[in-house]
Amino acid sequence: PGTMYKFSEAAVQSGFARVLSLAALLSISVGVFNLLPIYPLDGGQMVVALVEMVRGGKRLSLKVQEVVGTVGFAMVLLLFASVI
């Protein structure tokens, strides 16, 4: 967060084109992060759908979905904590 503030401040002082470039970079970063194969994120949802497709359309049990979701959520929290 502190580094993002520094980059944002520098971009604002450099002009509108720099701010727009920073906004685009942040947007792309969030999009790539969202595609990580961790269950709460969209990439994880795609992995679960792929597993179900490979299983012939059989859905994962609720218990398996709960465990995968809990582990994925813990991974996202760990990632956030390490960034901050």
N, C-alpha and C. Protein backbone atom coordinates (compact mmCIF):
# COMPACT_ATOMS: atom_id res chain seq x y z
N PRO A 1 0.81 -1.21 0.00
CA PRO A 1 0.00 0.00 0.00
C PRO A 1 0.85 1.27 0.00
N GLY A 2 1.94 1.26 0.76
CA GLY A 2 2.80 2.44 0.80
C GLY A 2 3.47 2.68 -0.54
N THR A 3 3.91 1.60 -1.18
CA THR A 3 4.54 1.72 -2.49
C THR A 3 3.53 2.19 -3.53
N MET A 4 2.29 1.68 -3.43
CA MET A 4 1.26 2.12 -4.37
C MET A 4 1.01 3.62 -4.21
N TYR A 5 1.04 4.10 -2.98
CA TYR A 5 0.86 5.53 -2.74
C TYR A 5 1.99 6.33 -3.39
N LYS A 6 3.21 5.86 -3.23
CA LYS A 6 4.36 6.57 -3.82
C LYS A 6 4.25 6.63 -5.34
N PHE A 7 3.91 5.48 -5.96
CA PHE A 7 3.78 5.44 -7.41
C PHE A 7 2.63 6.32 -7.89
N SER A 8 1.53 6.31 -7.14
CA SER A 8 0.39 7.14 -7.51
C SER A 8 0.73 8.62 -7.42
N GLU A 9 1.42 8.99 -6.37
CA GLU A 9 1.81 10.39 -6.20
C GLU A 9 2.76 10.83 -7.32
N ALA A 10 3.72 9.97 -7.66
CA ALA A 10 4.65 10.29 -8.74
C ALA A 10 3.92 10.39 -10.07
N ALA A 11 2.94 9.52 -10.29
CA ALA A 11 2.18 9.55 -11.54
C ALA A 11 1.37 10.82 -11.66
N VAL A 12 0.76 11.24 -10.57
CA VAL A 12 -0.05 12.47 -10.58
C VAL A 12 0.83 13.68 -10.91
N GLN A 13 2.03 13.70 -10.37
CA GLN A 13 2.93 14.82 -10.63
C GLN A 13 3.47 14.78 -12.06
N SER A 14 3.48 13.59 -12.69
CA SER A 14 4.02 13.46 -14.04
C SER A 14 3.02 13.79 -15.13
N GLY A 15 1.73 13.76 -14.79
CA GLY A 15 0.73 14.11 -15.79
C GLY A 15 -0.33 13.03 -15.97
N PHE A 16 -1.35 13.40 -16.75
CA PHE A 16 -2.50 12.54 -16.94
C PHE A 16 -2.15 11.23 -17.63
N ALA A 17 -1.27 11.27 -18.61
CA ALA A 17 -0.91 10.05 -19.34
C ALA A 17 -0.27 9.03 -18.39
N ARG A 18 0.52 9.50 -17.48
CA ARG A 18 1.17 8.60 -16.51
C ARG A 18 0.14 8.00 -15.55
N VAL A 19 -0.84 8.79 -15.14
CA VAL A 19 -1.91 8.29 -14.27
C VAL A 19 -2.71 7.23 -15.00
N LEU A 20 -3.03 7.49 -16.25
CA LEU A 20 -3.77 6.53 -17.05
C LEU A 20 -2.98 5.24 -17.22
N SER A 21 -1.68 5.35 -17.45
CA SER A 21 -0.82 4.18 -17.58
C SER A 21 -0.79 3.36 -16.28
N LEU A 22 -0.70 4.04 -15.15
CA LEU A 22 -0.70 3.36 -13.86
C LEU A 22 -2.04 2.66 -13.62
N ALA A 23 -3.13 3.32 -13.96
CA ALA A 23 -4.46 2.72 -13.80
C ALA A 23 -4.59 1.46 -14.66
N ALA A 24 -4.07 1.52 -15.87
CA ALA A 24 -4.12 0.34 -16.75
C ALA A 24 -3.28 -0.80 -16.16
N LEU A 25 -2.12 -0.48 -15.66
CA LEU A 25 -1.25 -1.50 -15.06
C LEU A 25 -1.92 -2.15 -13.85
N LEU A 26 -2.53 -1.33 -13.00
CA LEU A 26 -3.23 -1.88 -11.83
C LEU A 26 -4.41 -2.76 -12.25
N SER A 27 -5.14 -2.34 -13.27
CA SER A 27 -6.27 -3.12 -13.76
C SER A 27 -5.82 -4.47 -14.30
N ILE A 28 -4.74 -4.48 -15.05
CA ILE A 28 -4.21 -5.73 -15.58
C ILE A 28 -3.72 -6.63 -14.45
N SER A 29 -3.08 -6.04 -13.46
CA SER A 29 -2.59 -6.81 -12.32
C SER A 29 -3.73 -7.49 -11.57
N VAL A 30 -4.81 -6.76 -11.34
CA VAL A 30 -5.97 -7.34 -10.66
C VAL A 30 -6.58 -8.46 -11.51
N GLY A 31 -6.64 -8.26 -12.82
CA GLY A 31 -7.17 -9.30 -13.71
C GLY A 31 -6.35 -10.57 -13.68
N VAL A 32 -5.04 -10.43 -13.70
CA VAL A 32 -4.16 -11.60 -13.64
C VAL A 32 -4.29 -12.28 -12.28
N PHE A 33 -4.32 -11.50 -11.21
CA PHE A 33 -4.49 -12.06 -9.86
C PHE A 33 -5.78 -12.86 -9.78
N ASN A 34 -6.84 -12.36 -10.37
CA ASN A 34 -8.14 -13.03 -10.33
C ASN A 34 -8.12 -14.38 -11.05
N LEU A 35 -7.18 -14.58 -11.95
CA LEU A 35 -7.10 -15.84 -12.69
C LEU A 35 -6.21 -16.89 -12.00
N LEU A 36 -5.67 -16.57 -10.83
CA LEU A 36 -4.90 -17.57 -10.10
C LEU A 36 -5.79 -18.76 -9.78
N PRO A 37 -5.24 -19.98 -9.84
CA PRO A 37 -6.09 -21.16 -9.61
C PRO A 37 -6.35 -21.42 -8.12
N ILE A 38 -6.86 -20.43 -7.43
CA ILE A 38 -7.26 -20.56 -6.03
C ILE A 38 -8.78 -20.45 -6.01
N TYR A 39 -9.43 -21.37 -5.32
CA TYR A 39 -10.88 -21.55 -5.45
C TYR A 39 -11.75 -20.31 -5.32
N PRO A 40 -11.57 -19.43 -4.37
CA PRO A 40 -12.50 -18.28 -4.33
C PRO A 40 -12.37 -17.36 -5.54
N LEU A 41 -11.24 -17.41 -6.23
CA LEU A 41 -11.02 -16.55 -7.40
C LEU A 41 -11.58 -17.23 -8.64
N ASP A 42 -11.70 -16.47 -9.72
CA ASP A 42 -12.27 -17.02 -10.96
C ASP A 42 -11.44 -18.17 -11.53
N GLY A 43 -10.11 -18.09 -11.41
CA GLY A 43 -9.26 -19.18 -11.89
C GLY A 43 -9.55 -20.47 -11.16
N GLY A 44 -9.80 -20.39 -9.87
CA GLY A 44 -10.16 -21.57 -9.08
C GLY A 44 -11.51 -22.14 -9.49
N GLN A 45 -12.45 -21.25 -9.80
CA GLN A 45 -13.76 -21.71 -10.27
C GLN A 45 -13.61 -22.47 -11.59
N MET A 46 -12.71 -21.98 -12.45
CA MET A 46 -12.48 -22.66 -13.72
C MET A 46 -11.84 -24.03 -13.50
N VAL A 47 -10.93 -24.14 -12.53
CA VAL A 47 -10.29 -25.43 -12.24
C VAL A 47 -11.34 -26.42 -11.73
N VAL A 48 -12.20 -25.99 -10.83
CA VAL A 48 -13.25 -26.87 -10.32
C VAL A 48 -14.17 -27.31 -11.46
N ALA A 49 -14.55 -26.40 -12.33
CA ALA A 49 -15.40 -26.75 -13.48
C ALA A 49 -14.70 -27.75 -14.39
N LEU A 50 -13.39 -27.57 -14.59
CA LEU A 50 -12.63 -28.50 -15.41
C LEU A 50 -12.58 -29.88 -14.77
N VAL A 51 -12.38 -29.94 -13.46
CA VAL A 51 -12.37 -31.23 -12.76
C VAL A 51 -13.72 -31.92 -12.89
N GLU A 52 -14.79 -31.16 -12.74
CA GLU A 52 -16.12 -31.74 -12.89
C GLU A 52 -16.36 -32.22 -14.31
N MET A 53 -15.83 -31.50 -15.30
CA MET A 53 -15.99 -31.91 -16.68
C MET A 53 -15.22 -33.21 -16.95
N VAL A 54 -14.01 -33.30 -16.39
CA VAL A 54 -13.20 -34.51 -16.57
C VAL A 54 -13.88 -35.70 -15.90
N ARG A 55 -14.59 -35.46 -14.81
CA ARG A 55 -15.30 -36.53 -14.11
C ARG A 55 -16.60 -36.91 -14.81
N GLY A 56 -16.82 -36.40 -15.98
CA GLY A 56 -18.02 -36.75 -16.74
C GLY A 56 -19.24 -35.97 -16.31
N GLY A 57 -19.06 -34.78 -15.81
CA GLY A 57 -20.20 -33.95 -15.42
C GLY A 57 -20.66 -34.17 -13.99
N LYS A 58 -20.00 -35.08 -13.27
CA LYS A 58 -20.37 -35.32 -11.87
C LYS A 58 -19.83 -34.18 -11.01
N ARG A 59 -20.71 -33.58 -10.22
CA ARG A 59 -20.31 -32.48 -9.35
C ARG A 59 -19.50 -33.00 -8.18
N LEU A 60 -18.63 -32.16 -7.66
CA LEU A 60 -17.88 -32.49 -6.45
C LEU A 60 -18.84 -32.48 -5.27
N SER A 61 -18.57 -33.32 -4.28
CA SER A 61 -19.44 -33.35 -3.11
C SER A 61 -19.34 -32.03 -2.36
N LEU A 62 -20.35 -31.74 -1.58
CA LEU A 62 -20.36 -30.50 -0.81
C LEU A 62 -19.20 -30.45 0.17
N LYS A 63 -18.83 -31.59 0.73
CA LYS A 63 -17.71 -31.63 1.67
C LYS A 63 -16.41 -31.25 0.97
N VAL A 64 -16.17 -31.78 -0.23
CA VAL A 64 -14.96 -31.46 -0.99
C VAL A 64 -14.96 -29.99 -1.37
N GLN A 65 -16.11 -29.48 -1.80
CA GLN A 65 -16.20 -28.06 -2.15
C GLN A 65 -15.91 -27.18 -0.94
N GLU A 66 -16.40 -27.58 0.22
CA GLU A 66 -16.17 -26.81 1.44
C GLU A 66 -14.69 -26.79 1.80
N VAL A 67 -14.03 -27.95 1.72
CA VAL A 67 -12.60 -28.03 2.05
C VAL A 67 -11.78 -27.21 1.06
N VAL A 68 -12.07 -27.36 -0.22
CA VAL A 68 -11.33 -26.60 -1.24
C VAL A 68 -11.55 -25.10 -1.05
N GLY A 69 -12.76 -24.70 -0.75
CA GLY A 69 -13.06 -23.30 -0.53
C GLY A 69 -12.35 -22.74 0.70
N THR A 70 -12.31 -23.51 1.77
CA THR A 70 -11.65 -23.07 3.00
C THR A 70 -10.15 -22.94 2.78
N VAL A 71 -9.54 -23.93 2.14
CA VAL A 71 -8.10 -23.87 1.86
C VAL A 71 -7.79 -22.69 0.93
N GLY A 72 -8.59 -22.50 -0.09
CA GLY A 72 -8.38 -21.39 -1.02
C GLY A 72 -8.51 -20.04 -0.34
N PHE A 73 -9.51 -19.91 0.52
CA PHE A 73 -9.70 -18.65 1.23
C PHE A 73 -8.51 -18.37 2.15
N ALA A 74 -8.02 -19.42 2.82
CA ALA A 74 -6.84 -19.25 3.68
C ALA A 74 -5.63 -18.83 2.85
N MET A 75 -5.49 -19.38 1.66
CA MET A 75 -4.37 -19.00 0.79
C MET A 75 -4.48 -17.54 0.37
N VAL A 76 -5.66 -17.08 0.05
CA VAL A 76 -5.86 -15.67 -0.33
C VAL A 76 -5.55 -14.76 0.86
N LEU A 77 -6.00 -15.14 2.05
CA LEU A 77 -5.69 -14.32 3.24
C LEU A 77 -4.19 -14.29 3.51
N LEU A 78 -3.52 -15.44 3.33
CA LEU A 78 -2.07 -15.49 3.53
C LEU A 78 -1.36 -14.60 2.52
N LEU A 79 -1.83 -14.62 1.29
CA LEU A 79 -1.24 -13.78 0.26
C LEU A 79 -1.42 -12.30 0.59
N PHE A 80 -2.62 -11.93 1.00
CA PHE A 80 -2.87 -10.54 1.38
C PHE A 80 -2.00 -10.12 2.57
N ALA A 81 -1.89 -11.00 3.56
CA ALA A 81 -1.08 -10.68 4.74
C ALA A 81 0.39 -10.51 4.36
N SER A 82 0.87 -11.34 3.45
CA SER A 82 2.28 -11.22 3.05
C SER A 82 2.53 -9.95 2.24
N VAL A 83 1.55 -9.49 1.50
CA VAL A 83 1.71 -8.26 0.71
C VAL A 83 1.73 -7.04 1.63
N ILE A 84 0.86 -7.06 2.62
CA ILE A 84 0.78 -5.92 3.53
C ILE A 84 1.93 -5.97 4.49
